[in-house]
Amino acid sequence: MKKIILLLIWFSFYGFSQNVKLKTGDLLFQSMNCGPLCEAIYEVTEGYQGKDFSHIGMVYIKNDSILIIEASGKNVKITPYETFKNYTTEEMFVGRLKRKYQKYIPEAIVFSLQQIGVPYDDEYLYNNGKYYCSELIFDAFLHSYKKPLFDLYPMTFKSPKSKEYFKVWAEYYEKLKMEIPEGQLGCNPGGISTSDKLKIIGTIQ
């Protein structure tokens, strides 16, 4: 009997991935393998329970099809779930807004759909008319909640070990012919995953 109880406790904490039924407004957090760029992101950001996340998308269920609204590649777009999940070989973590905030999801979805086609923000500058993945989520709920639901933090592109700019970021912004936006406000998937406005309800593949 004790073994059964222990197994049930274990599965309640670690075996929840099979029980997640996605709903519109859920946030999917991914750990992608994008080489040195992702490694630099992981070194300066921290997600839920110390996990590393480099991408986020929002679930949009339409006519029983699971779609993901995301800022990725060239622009903001709608991606089939089956395509989205193939961005990573790891489990995705599912975040769901706490009940008191779920009434803001419909308007956040409407806002996000209105941004389809907006260029991807490869400069990672907030409020420049373009969107990177977490910036889209931040603005969607800023629009529906009428004030920030999530937080912006000063961004850093420096290694916490050397205090020097990561080589990959220095080369990245040199190609863009712009200064590195060190210290400017921004957001990232890891930061959103730790928000007290949502709960990580499990993982999914």
N, C-alpha and C. Protein backbone atom coordinates (compact mmCIF):
# COMPACT_ATOMS: atom_id res chain seq x y z
N MET A 1 0.83 -1.21 0.00
CA MET A 1 0.00 0.00 0.00
C MET A 1 0.87 1.26 0.00
N LYS A 2 1.94 1.22 0.82
CA LYS A 2 2.84 2.38 0.89
C LYS A 2 3.51 2.61 -0.46
N LYS A 3 3.88 1.50 -1.14
CA LYS A 3 4.52 1.65 -2.45
C LYS A 3 3.59 2.31 -3.46
N ILE A 4 2.31 1.96 -3.40
CA ILE A 4 1.33 2.54 -4.31
C ILE A 4 1.19 4.03 -4.05
N ILE A 5 1.11 4.40 -2.77
CA ILE A 5 0.99 5.82 -2.40
C ILE A 5 2.21 6.60 -2.87
N LEU A 6 3.41 6.02 -2.66
CA LEU A 6 4.63 6.69 -3.09
C LEU A 6 4.67 6.87 -4.60
N LEU A 7 4.20 5.84 -5.33
CA LEU A 7 4.16 5.95 -6.79
C LEU A 7 3.20 7.04 -7.23
N LEU A 8 2.06 7.15 -6.57
CA LEU A 8 1.09 8.19 -6.92
C LEU A 8 1.66 9.58 -6.66
N ILE A 9 2.39 9.72 -5.55
CA ILE A 9 3.03 11.00 -5.24
C ILE A 9 4.08 11.34 -6.29
N TRP A 10 4.87 10.31 -6.67
CA TRP A 10 5.91 10.52 -7.68
C TRP A 10 5.32 10.98 -8.99
N PHE A 11 4.24 10.30 -9.43
CA PHE A 11 3.62 10.65 -10.70
C PHE A 11 2.96 12.02 -10.64
N SER A 12 2.47 12.43 -9.47
CA SER A 12 1.82 13.74 -9.35
C SER A 12 2.83 14.86 -9.57
N PHE A 13 4.11 14.59 -9.28
CA PHE A 13 5.13 15.61 -9.47
C PHE A 13 5.87 15.47 -10.79
N TYR A 14 6.13 14.22 -11.20
CA TYR A 14 7.01 14.03 -12.34
C TYR A 14 6.31 13.40 -13.55
N GLY A 15 5.18 12.81 -13.36
CA GLY A 15 4.53 12.11 -14.45
C GLY A 15 3.31 12.80 -14.98
N PHE A 16 3.29 14.14 -14.86
CA PHE A 16 2.09 14.87 -15.24
C PHE A 16 2.00 15.18 -16.72
N SER A 17 3.02 14.86 -17.47
CA SER A 17 3.05 15.28 -18.87
C SER A 17 1.92 14.67 -19.69
N GLN A 18 1.48 13.48 -19.33
CA GLN A 18 0.43 12.83 -20.11
C GLN A 18 -0.96 13.38 -19.80
N ASN A 19 -1.08 14.18 -18.76
CA ASN A 19 -2.39 14.64 -18.31
C ASN A 19 -2.72 16.06 -18.77
N VAL A 20 -1.82 16.71 -19.48
CA VAL A 20 -2.03 18.09 -19.87
C VAL A 20 -2.89 18.17 -21.13
N LYS A 21 -4.02 18.80 -21.03
CA LYS A 21 -4.85 19.08 -22.18
C LYS A 21 -4.75 20.57 -22.47
N LEU A 22 -4.16 20.91 -23.59
CA LEU A 22 -3.90 22.31 -23.89
C LEU A 22 -5.19 23.10 -24.08
N LYS A 23 -5.15 24.36 -23.61
CA LYS A 23 -6.28 25.27 -23.76
C LYS A 23 -5.79 26.57 -24.40
N THR A 24 -6.69 27.26 -25.06
CA THR A 24 -6.34 28.56 -25.62
C THR A 24 -5.80 29.47 -24.52
N GLY A 25 -4.68 30.11 -24.80
CA GLY A 25 -4.06 31.00 -23.83
C GLY A 25 -2.93 30.36 -23.06
N ASP A 26 -2.79 29.04 -23.14
CA ASP A 26 -1.65 28.39 -22.49
C ASP A 26 -0.37 28.87 -23.16
N LEU A 27 0.70 28.93 -22.39
CA LEU A 27 2.00 29.35 -22.90
C LEU A 27 2.94 28.15 -22.92
N LEU A 28 3.57 27.92 -24.05
CA LEU A 28 4.49 26.80 -24.20
C LEU A 28 5.93 27.33 -24.18
N PHE A 29 6.71 26.78 -23.28
CA PHE A 29 8.11 27.19 -23.10
C PHE A 29 9.03 26.10 -23.66
N GLN A 30 9.94 26.51 -24.53
CA GLN A 30 10.83 25.57 -25.21
C GLN A 30 12.30 25.83 -24.90
N SER A 31 13.06 24.76 -24.89
CA SER A 31 14.52 24.84 -24.88
C SER A 31 14.98 24.43 -26.26
N MET A 32 15.41 25.38 -27.04
CA MET A 32 15.83 25.10 -28.41
C MET A 32 17.35 24.98 -28.48
N ASN A 33 17.82 24.27 -29.46
CA ASN A 33 19.25 24.14 -29.68
C ASN A 33 19.65 25.06 -30.83
N CYS A 34 20.01 26.28 -30.49
CA CYS A 34 20.42 27.24 -31.53
C CYS A 34 21.88 27.64 -31.35
N GLY A 35 22.66 26.71 -30.77
CA GLY A 35 24.09 26.92 -30.67
C GLY A 35 24.51 27.99 -29.68
N PRO A 36 25.60 28.71 -29.97
CA PRO A 36 26.16 29.70 -29.04
C PRO A 36 25.17 30.79 -28.62
N LEU A 37 24.24 31.14 -29.51
CA LEU A 37 23.26 32.17 -29.17
C LEU A 37 22.37 31.71 -28.03
N CYS A 38 21.86 30.49 -28.12
CA CYS A 38 21.03 29.95 -27.05
C CYS A 38 21.84 29.76 -25.77
N GLU A 39 23.08 29.32 -25.93
CA GLU A 39 23.94 29.12 -24.76
C GLU A 39 24.16 30.43 -24.02
N ALA A 40 24.31 31.51 -24.77
CA ALA A 40 24.48 32.83 -24.14
C ALA A 40 23.20 33.26 -23.43
N ILE A 41 22.06 32.98 -24.05
CA ILE A 41 20.78 33.31 -23.42
C ILE A 41 20.60 32.53 -22.12
N TYR A 42 20.92 31.24 -22.16
CA TYR A 42 20.75 30.40 -20.99
C TYR A 42 21.63 30.83 -19.83
N GLU A 43 22.81 31.38 -20.15
CA GLU A 43 23.75 31.75 -19.10
C GLU A 43 23.29 32.96 -18.31
N VAL A 44 22.46 33.81 -18.91
CA VAL A 44 22.05 35.05 -18.22
C VAL A 44 20.57 35.08 -17.85
N THR A 45 19.83 34.02 -18.19
CA THR A 45 18.42 33.98 -17.82
C THR A 45 18.13 32.66 -17.11
N GLU A 46 17.10 32.66 -16.30
CA GLU A 46 16.73 31.45 -15.59
C GLU A 46 15.22 31.28 -15.61
N GLY A 47 14.78 30.09 -15.95
CA GLY A 47 13.36 29.82 -16.01
C GLY A 47 12.85 29.03 -14.82
N TYR A 48 11.66 28.54 -14.97
CA TYR A 48 10.98 27.76 -13.94
C TYR A 48 11.87 26.63 -13.43
N GLN A 49 12.08 26.59 -12.12
CA GLN A 49 12.90 25.57 -11.46
C GLN A 49 14.29 25.45 -12.09
N GLY A 50 14.82 26.58 -12.54
CA GLY A 50 16.17 26.60 -13.10
C GLY A 50 16.29 26.09 -14.52
N LYS A 51 15.15 25.83 -15.17
CA LYS A 51 15.18 25.34 -16.54
C LYS A 51 15.62 26.45 -17.50
N ASP A 52 16.17 26.04 -18.63
CA ASP A 52 16.59 26.99 -19.66
C ASP A 52 15.55 27.03 -20.77
N PHE A 53 15.03 28.23 -21.04
CA PHE A 53 14.05 28.39 -22.12
C PHE A 53 14.53 29.48 -23.08
N SER A 54 14.37 29.22 -24.37
CA SER A 54 14.78 30.20 -25.37
C SER A 54 13.64 30.59 -26.30
N HIS A 55 12.46 29.97 -26.14
CA HIS A 55 11.34 30.31 -27.02
C HIS A 55 10.02 30.10 -26.29
N ILE A 56 9.02 30.89 -26.70
CA ILE A 56 7.69 30.81 -26.10
C ILE A 56 6.65 31.06 -27.19
N GLY A 57 5.55 30.36 -27.10
CA GLY A 57 4.42 30.57 -28.00
C GLY A 57 3.13 30.44 -27.21
N MET A 58 2.03 30.97 -27.77
CA MET A 58 0.74 30.92 -27.09
C MET A 58 -0.23 30.04 -27.86
N VAL A 59 -0.89 29.16 -27.12
CA VAL A 59 -1.82 28.20 -27.73
C VAL A 59 -3.10 28.92 -28.18
N TYR A 60 -3.56 28.55 -29.37
CA TYR A 60 -4.79 29.07 -29.95
C TYR A 60 -5.53 27.91 -30.58
N ILE A 61 -6.61 27.49 -29.97
CA ILE A 61 -7.36 26.34 -30.47
C ILE A 61 -8.51 26.85 -31.34
N LYS A 62 -8.51 26.42 -32.59
CA LYS A 62 -9.52 26.84 -33.55
C LYS A 62 -10.06 25.63 -34.28
N ASN A 63 -11.37 25.43 -34.20
CA ASN A 63 -12.01 24.28 -34.86
C ASN A 63 -11.32 22.96 -34.50
N ASP A 64 -11.01 22.82 -33.22
CA ASP A 64 -10.38 21.61 -32.68
C ASP A 64 -8.93 21.43 -33.13
N SER A 65 -8.37 22.39 -33.85
CA SER A 65 -6.96 22.33 -34.24
C SER A 65 -6.13 23.12 -33.23
N ILE A 66 -5.01 22.54 -32.82
CA ILE A 66 -4.12 23.23 -31.89
C ILE A 66 -3.10 24.02 -32.68
N LEU A 67 -3.17 25.33 -32.56
CA LEU A 67 -2.27 26.24 -33.26
C LEU A 67 -1.46 27.02 -32.22
N ILE A 68 -0.32 27.51 -32.64
CA ILE A 68 0.54 28.29 -31.77
C ILE A 68 0.79 29.65 -32.41
N ILE A 69 0.49 30.70 -31.67
CA ILE A 69 0.82 32.06 -32.13
C ILE A 69 2.22 32.36 -31.61
N GLU A 70 3.11 32.72 -32.51
CA GLU A 70 4.49 32.94 -32.10
C GLU A 70 5.17 34.00 -32.97
N ALA A 71 6.19 34.61 -32.41
CA ALA A 71 7.08 35.47 -33.18
C ALA A 71 8.35 34.67 -33.39
N SER A 72 8.57 34.25 -34.63
CA SER A 72 9.70 33.36 -34.93
C SER A 72 10.04 33.48 -36.41
N GLY A 73 11.31 33.29 -36.72
CA GLY A 73 11.70 33.37 -38.13
C GLY A 73 11.66 34.79 -38.64
N LYS A 74 10.80 35.05 -39.61
CA LYS A 74 10.73 36.38 -40.21
C LYS A 74 9.66 37.27 -39.61
N ASN A 75 8.65 36.66 -38.93
CA ASN A 75 7.54 37.50 -38.48
C ASN A 75 6.69 36.79 -37.43
N VAL A 76 5.64 37.49 -37.00
CA VAL A 76 4.63 36.90 -36.14
C VAL A 76 3.76 36.01 -37.02
N LYS A 77 3.47 34.81 -36.55
CA LYS A 77 2.74 33.86 -37.40
C LYS A 77 1.97 32.86 -36.56
N ILE A 78 1.12 32.10 -37.24
CA ILE A 78 0.40 30.99 -36.62
C ILE A 78 1.04 29.70 -37.12
N THR A 79 1.43 28.86 -36.19
CA THR A 79 2.13 27.63 -36.52
C THR A 79 1.35 26.42 -35.99
N PRO A 80 1.14 25.39 -36.80
CA PRO A 80 0.51 24.17 -36.29
C PRO A 80 1.32 23.59 -35.13
N TYR A 81 0.64 23.06 -34.15
CA TYR A 81 1.32 22.51 -32.98
C TYR A 81 2.35 21.45 -33.38
N GLU A 82 2.02 20.59 -34.34
CA GLU A 82 2.92 19.53 -34.74
C GLU A 82 4.24 20.08 -35.29
N THR A 83 4.16 21.24 -35.93
CA THR A 83 5.38 21.89 -36.42
C THR A 83 6.14 22.54 -35.28
N PHE A 84 5.40 23.23 -34.41
CA PHE A 84 6.01 23.95 -33.29
C PHE A 84 6.80 23.01 -32.39
N LYS A 85 6.23 21.86 -32.09
CA LYS A 85 6.89 20.95 -31.14
C LYS A 85 8.19 20.39 -31.71
N ASN A 86 8.32 20.40 -33.04
CA ASN A 86 9.53 19.88 -33.66
C ASN A 86 10.69 20.85 -33.62
N TYR A 87 10.46 22.06 -33.07
CA TYR A 87 11.57 22.99 -32.89
C TYR A 87 12.58 22.46 -31.87
N THR A 88 12.11 21.57 -31.00
CA THR A 88 12.96 21.07 -29.92
C THR A 88 12.79 19.56 -29.78
N THR A 89 13.82 18.93 -29.26
CA THR A 89 13.73 17.49 -28.98
C THR A 89 13.38 17.25 -27.51
N GLU A 90 13.29 18.33 -26.74
CA GLU A 90 12.99 18.21 -25.31
C GLU A 90 11.52 18.45 -25.03
N GLU A 91 11.09 18.07 -23.84
CA GLU A 91 9.72 18.33 -23.44
C GLU A 91 9.49 19.84 -23.34
N MET A 92 8.29 20.28 -23.67
CA MET A 92 7.92 21.67 -23.49
C MET A 92 7.15 21.82 -22.19
N PHE A 93 7.40 22.90 -21.50
CA PHE A 93 6.68 23.19 -20.27
C PHE A 93 5.44 24.03 -20.59
N VAL A 94 4.34 23.71 -19.94
CA VAL A 94 3.06 24.38 -20.20
C VAL A 94 2.72 25.30 -19.03
N GLY A 95 2.59 26.58 -19.33
CA GLY A 95 2.18 27.56 -18.32
C GLY A 95 0.73 27.96 -18.56
N ARG A 96 -0.04 28.05 -17.48
CA ARG A 96 -1.43 28.46 -17.58
C ARG A 96 -1.69 29.60 -16.60
N LEU A 97 -2.31 30.67 -17.10
CA LEU A 97 -2.61 31.81 -16.23
C LEU A 97 -3.48 31.37 -15.07
N LYS A 98 -3.23 31.94 -13.92
CA LYS A 98 -4.08 31.65 -12.77
C LYS A 98 -5.49 32.15 -13.04
N ARG A 99 -6.45 31.55 -12.37
CA ARG A 99 -7.87 31.75 -12.70
C ARG A 99 -8.26 33.22 -12.77
N LYS A 100 -7.76 34.05 -11.87
CA LYS A 100 -8.17 35.45 -11.83
C LYS A 100 -7.72 36.24 -13.05
N TYR A 101 -6.76 35.68 -13.81
CA TYR A 101 -6.24 36.39 -14.99
C TYR A 101 -6.73 35.78 -16.30
N GLN A 102 -7.43 34.67 -16.24
CA GLN A 102 -7.83 34.00 -17.47
C GLN A 102 -8.84 34.79 -18.30
N LYS A 103 -9.57 35.70 -17.66
CA LYS A 103 -10.54 36.50 -18.41
C LYS A 103 -9.86 37.46 -19.40
N TYR A 104 -8.54 37.62 -19.25
CA TYR A 104 -7.81 38.51 -20.16
C TYR A 104 -7.27 37.78 -21.39
N ILE A 105 -7.45 36.47 -21.43
CA ILE A 105 -6.92 35.69 -22.55
C ILE A 105 -7.58 36.03 -23.89
N PRO A 106 -8.92 36.09 -23.97
CA PRO A 106 -9.53 36.35 -25.29
C PRO A 106 -9.02 37.61 -25.98
N GLU A 107 -8.91 38.70 -25.22
CA GLU A 107 -8.43 39.94 -25.83
C GLU A 107 -6.95 39.85 -26.19
N ALA A 108 -6.19 39.09 -25.41
CA ALA A 108 -4.77 38.89 -25.74
C ALA A 108 -4.63 38.09 -27.04
N ILE A 109 -5.53 37.14 -27.25
CA ILE A 109 -5.53 36.38 -28.50
C ILE A 109 -5.87 37.28 -29.68
N VAL A 110 -6.90 38.10 -29.52
CA VAL A 110 -7.30 39.03 -30.58
C VAL A 110 -6.13 39.94 -30.95
N PHE A 111 -5.47 40.49 -29.94
CA PHE A 111 -4.32 41.36 -30.18
C PHE A 111 -3.22 40.62 -30.94
N SER A 112 -2.92 39.40 -30.48
CA SER A 112 -1.85 38.63 -31.11
C SER A 112 -2.16 38.31 -32.57
N LEU A 113 -3.41 37.98 -32.84
CA LEU A 113 -3.80 37.68 -34.22
C LEU A 113 -3.68 38.91 -35.11
N GLN A 114 -3.90 40.08 -34.53
CA GLN A 114 -3.77 41.32 -35.29
C GLN A 114 -2.31 41.63 -35.65
N GLN A 115 -1.39 40.96 -34.97
CA GLN A 115 0.04 41.20 -35.22
C GLN A 115 0.63 40.24 -36.26
N ILE A 116 -0.19 39.32 -36.77
CA ILE A 116 0.30 38.37 -37.77
C ILE A 116 0.94 39.14 -38.94
N GLY A 117 2.15 38.77 -39.26
CA GLY A 117 2.87 39.44 -40.35
C GLY A 117 3.81 40.53 -39.89
N VAL A 118 3.68 40.98 -38.63
CA VAL A 118 4.60 41.99 -38.11
C VAL A 118 6.01 41.38 -38.09
N PRO A 119 7.02 42.12 -38.54
CA PRO A 119 8.38 41.56 -38.63
C PRO A 119 8.93 41.09 -37.29
N TYR A 120 9.80 40.08 -37.37
CA TYR A 120 10.48 39.60 -36.17
C TYR A 120 11.48 40.65 -35.70
N ASP A 121 11.54 40.85 -34.41
CA ASP A 121 12.42 41.88 -33.83
C ASP A 121 13.82 41.31 -33.61
N ASP A 122 14.63 41.32 -34.66
CA ASP A 122 15.98 40.78 -34.54
C ASP A 122 16.93 41.73 -33.82
N GLU A 123 16.44 42.93 -33.49
CA GLU A 123 17.25 43.87 -32.73
C GLU A 123 17.05 43.70 -31.22
N TYR A 124 16.00 43.01 -30.85
CA TYR A 124 15.63 42.78 -29.44
C TYR A 124 15.50 44.10 -28.68
N LEU A 125 14.77 45.01 -29.28
CA LEU A 125 14.48 46.30 -28.67
C LEU A 125 12.99 46.40 -28.41
N TYR A 126 12.62 46.72 -27.19
CA TYR A 126 11.20 46.80 -26.88
C TYR A 126 10.56 48.03 -27.53
N ASN A 127 9.35 47.83 -28.03
CA ASN A 127 8.53 48.92 -28.56
C ASN A 127 9.15 49.59 -29.79
N ASN A 128 9.64 48.78 -30.72
CA ASN A 128 10.21 49.33 -31.96
C ASN A 128 9.41 48.91 -33.19
N GLY A 129 8.17 48.48 -32.96
CA GLY A 129 7.31 48.12 -34.08
C GLY A 129 7.51 46.72 -34.61
N LYS A 130 8.35 45.94 -33.93
CA LYS A 130 8.60 44.55 -34.29
C LYS A 130 8.49 43.70 -33.03
N TYR A 131 8.45 42.38 -33.19
CA TYR A 131 8.28 41.50 -32.03
C TYR A 131 9.24 40.32 -32.04
N TYR A 132 9.88 40.08 -30.90
CA TYR A 132 10.50 38.78 -30.65
C TYR A 132 9.53 37.99 -29.78
N CYS A 133 9.82 36.72 -29.53
CA CYS A 133 8.80 35.80 -29.01
C CYS A 133 8.15 36.26 -27.70
N SER A 134 8.95 36.54 -26.68
CA SER A 134 8.37 36.91 -25.38
C SER A 134 7.81 38.33 -25.39
N GLU A 135 8.34 39.17 -26.27
CA GLU A 135 7.83 40.54 -26.39
C GLU A 135 6.39 40.53 -26.88
N LEU A 136 6.08 39.63 -27.80
CA LEU A 136 4.71 39.51 -28.29
C LEU A 136 3.76 39.12 -27.16
N ILE A 137 4.16 38.16 -26.34
CA ILE A 137 3.34 37.72 -25.22
C ILE A 137 3.17 38.85 -24.21
N PHE A 138 4.25 39.54 -23.92
CA PHE A 138 4.20 40.67 -22.98
C PHE A 138 3.18 41.71 -23.45
N ASP A 139 3.28 42.11 -24.72
CA ASP A 139 2.38 43.16 -25.23
C ASP A 139 0.94 42.69 -25.37
N ALA A 140 0.75 41.41 -25.67
CA ALA A 140 -0.61 40.88 -25.81
C ALA A 140 -1.37 41.04 -24.49
N PHE A 141 -0.71 40.71 -23.39
CA PHE A 141 -1.38 40.81 -22.10
C PHE A 141 -1.32 42.22 -21.53
N LEU A 142 -0.36 43.02 -21.95
CA LEU A 142 -0.37 44.44 -21.61
C LEU A 142 -1.61 45.09 -22.21
N HIS A 143 -1.92 44.70 -23.43
CA HIS A 143 -3.09 45.25 -24.12
C HIS A 143 -4.39 44.82 -23.44
N SER A 144 -4.50 43.56 -23.06
CA SER A 144 -5.75 43.06 -22.49
C SER A 144 -5.91 43.42 -21.02
N TYR A 145 -4.82 43.45 -20.29
CA TYR A 145 -4.84 43.73 -18.84
C TYR A 145 -4.80 45.22 -18.55
N LYS A 146 -4.43 46.00 -19.56
CA LYS A 146 -4.34 47.46 -19.48
C LYS A 146 -3.17 47.96 -18.63
N LYS A 147 -2.36 47.06 -18.18
CA LYS A 147 -1.12 47.37 -17.47
C LYS A 147 -0.26 46.11 -17.56
N PRO A 148 1.04 46.20 -17.26
CA PRO A 148 1.89 45.02 -17.43
C PRO A 148 1.43 43.84 -16.57
N LEU A 149 1.17 42.72 -17.22
CA LEU A 149 0.87 41.50 -16.48
C LEU A 149 2.18 40.78 -16.14
N PHE A 150 3.12 40.85 -17.05
CA PHE A 150 4.44 40.29 -16.82
C PHE A 150 5.43 41.43 -16.61
N ASP A 151 6.68 41.10 -16.38
CA ASP A 151 7.68 42.12 -16.03
C ASP A 151 8.72 42.30 -17.13
N LEU A 152 9.22 43.52 -17.21
CA LEU A 152 10.38 43.83 -18.04
C LEU A 152 11.59 43.98 -17.13
N TYR A 153 12.74 43.54 -17.61
CA TYR A 153 13.97 43.63 -16.83
C TYR A 153 15.08 44.22 -17.70
N PRO A 154 16.08 44.85 -17.07
CA PRO A 154 17.24 45.30 -17.85
C PRO A 154 17.93 44.09 -18.50
N MET A 155 18.14 44.16 -19.77
CA MET A 155 18.78 43.06 -20.49
C MET A 155 20.29 43.15 -20.38
N THR A 156 20.92 41.98 -20.37
CA THR A 156 22.39 41.98 -20.42
C THR A 156 22.85 41.00 -21.49
N PHE A 157 23.91 41.39 -22.15
CA PHE A 157 24.51 40.56 -23.20
C PHE A 157 25.94 40.21 -22.82
N LYS A 158 26.23 40.35 -21.52
CA LYS A 158 27.57 40.08 -21.00
C LYS A 158 27.59 38.78 -20.22
N SER A 159 28.71 38.10 -20.30
CA SER A 159 28.89 36.88 -19.52
C SER A 159 29.02 37.24 -18.04
N PRO A 160 28.26 36.61 -17.16
CA PRO A 160 28.39 36.89 -15.73
C PRO A 160 29.76 36.46 -15.19
N LYS A 161 30.46 35.62 -15.95
CA LYS A 161 31.77 35.15 -15.51
C LYS A 161 32.87 36.15 -15.85
N SER A 162 32.89 36.59 -17.09
CA SER A 162 33.97 37.49 -17.54
C SER A 162 33.59 38.96 -17.49
N LYS A 163 32.28 39.23 -17.40
CA LYS A 163 31.76 40.61 -17.45
C LYS A 163 31.99 41.27 -18.81
N GLU A 164 32.37 40.47 -19.78
CA GLU A 164 32.58 40.96 -21.14
C GLU A 164 31.40 40.49 -22.00
N TYR A 165 31.16 41.20 -23.09
CA TYR A 165 30.09 40.80 -24.00
C TYR A 165 30.39 39.41 -24.56
N PHE A 166 29.36 38.57 -24.64
CA PHE A 166 29.52 37.30 -25.31
C PHE A 166 29.97 37.58 -26.75
N LYS A 167 30.90 36.80 -27.23
CA LYS A 167 31.41 36.98 -28.59
C LYS A 167 30.27 36.88 -29.60
N VAL A 168 29.35 35.93 -29.38
CA VAL A 168 28.27 35.72 -30.34
C VAL A 168 27.37 36.95 -30.43
N TRP A 169 27.15 37.64 -29.29
CA TRP A 169 26.32 38.84 -29.31
C TRP A 169 27.07 40.01 -29.93
N ALA A 170 28.36 40.13 -29.64
CA ALA A 170 29.16 41.21 -30.23
C ALA A 170 29.14 41.10 -31.76
N GLU A 171 29.31 39.90 -32.26
CA GLU A 171 29.31 39.69 -33.71
C GLU A 171 27.91 39.91 -34.28
N TYR A 172 26.90 39.49 -33.53
CA TYR A 172 25.51 39.62 -33.97
C TYR A 172 25.15 41.09 -34.20
N TYR A 173 25.45 41.93 -33.20
CA TYR A 173 25.08 43.35 -33.34
C TYR A 173 26.03 44.11 -34.27
N GLU A 174 27.23 43.61 -34.43
CA GLU A 174 28.14 44.22 -35.41
C GLU A 174 27.57 44.05 -36.81
N LYS A 175 26.98 42.87 -37.08
CA LYS A 175 26.36 42.63 -38.38
C LYS A 175 25.16 43.54 -38.60
N LEU A 176 24.45 43.84 -37.51
CA LEU A 176 23.29 44.74 -37.61
C LEU A 176 23.71 46.21 -37.65
N LYS A 177 24.99 46.44 -37.41
CA LYS A 177 25.54 47.80 -37.41
C LYS A 177 24.83 48.68 -36.37
N MET A 178 24.71 48.14 -35.17
CA MET A 178 24.09 48.90 -34.09
C MET A 178 24.77 48.55 -32.76
N GLU A 179 24.60 49.44 -31.81
CA GLU A 179 25.17 49.21 -30.49
C GLU A 179 24.40 48.11 -29.77
N ILE A 180 25.11 47.37 -28.95
CA ILE A 180 24.45 46.34 -28.15
C ILE A 180 23.55 47.03 -27.12
N PRO A 181 22.26 46.67 -27.05
CA PRO A 181 21.32 47.36 -26.16
C PRO A 181 21.44 46.93 -24.70
N GLU A 182 22.65 46.93 -24.20
CA GLU A 182 22.90 46.54 -22.82
C GLU A 182 22.14 47.42 -21.85
N GLY A 183 21.42 46.82 -20.92
CA GLY A 183 20.71 47.56 -19.88
C GLY A 183 19.33 48.04 -20.26
N GLN A 184 18.97 47.92 -21.53
CA GLN A 184 17.63 48.34 -21.92
C GLN A 184 16.60 47.30 -21.48
N LEU A 185 15.38 47.75 -21.25
CA LEU A 185 14.35 46.85 -20.74
C LEU A 185 13.90 45.85 -21.80
N GLY A 186 13.67 44.64 -21.36
CA GLY A 186 13.19 43.60 -22.25
C GLY A 186 12.63 42.45 -21.44
N CYS A 187 12.28 41.38 -22.13
CA CYS A 187 11.74 40.22 -21.44
C CYS A 187 12.27 38.96 -22.12
N ASN A 188 12.10 37.84 -21.48
CA ASN A 188 12.57 36.58 -22.04
C ASN A 188 11.67 35.45 -21.57
N PRO A 189 11.66 34.32 -22.29
CA PRO A 189 10.79 33.21 -21.91
C PRO A 189 11.01 32.72 -20.49
N GLY A 190 12.27 32.65 -20.06
CA GLY A 190 12.55 32.19 -18.71
C GLY A 190 11.90 33.07 -17.66
N GLY A 191 12.00 34.38 -17.84
CA GLY A 191 11.40 35.30 -16.88
C GLY A 191 9.89 35.15 -16.80
N ILE A 192 9.24 35.00 -17.95
CA ILE A 192 7.79 34.82 -17.96
C ILE A 192 7.41 33.50 -17.28
N SER A 193 8.23 32.46 -17.46
CA SER A 193 7.91 31.16 -16.85
C SER A 193 7.93 31.19 -15.34
N THR A 194 8.60 32.18 -14.74
CA THR A 194 8.67 32.27 -13.28
C THR A 194 7.65 33.26 -12.72
N SER A 195 6.80 33.82 -13.57
CA SER A 195 5.83 34.82 -13.12
C SER A 195 4.84 34.22 -12.13
N ASP A 196 4.47 35.02 -11.14
CA ASP A 196 3.47 34.56 -10.17
C ASP A 196 2.06 34.70 -10.71
N LYS A 197 1.93 35.15 -11.96
CA LYS A 197 0.61 35.26 -12.59
C LYS A 197 0.18 33.95 -13.26
N LEU A 198 1.12 33.03 -13.38
CA LEU A 198 0.78 31.76 -14.02
C LEU A 198 1.34 30.60 -13.22
N LYS A 199 0.89 29.40 -13.61
CA LYS A 199 1.35 28.17 -12.97
C LYS A 199 1.82 27.22 -14.05
N ILE A 200 2.97 26.61 -13.83
CA ILE A 200 3.43 25.57 -14.74
C ILE A 200 2.66 24.31 -14.38
N ILE A 201 1.84 23.84 -15.31
CA ILE A 201 0.93 22.73 -15.01
C ILE A 201 1.45 21.38 -15.48
N GLY A 202 2.57 21.36 -16.19
CA GLY A 202 3.13 20.10 -16.64
C GLY A 202 4.00 20.27 -17.85
N THR A 203 4.35 19.15 -18.43
CA THR A 203 5.15 19.16 -19.66
C THR A 203 4.42 18.38 -20.73
N ILE A 204 4.83 18.62 -21.97
CA ILE A 204 4.16 17.96 -23.09
C ILE A 204 5.16 17.80 -24.21
N GLN A 205 4.95 16.81 -25.06
CA GLN A 205 5.85 16.57 -26.18
C GLN A 205 5.13 16.70 -27.51
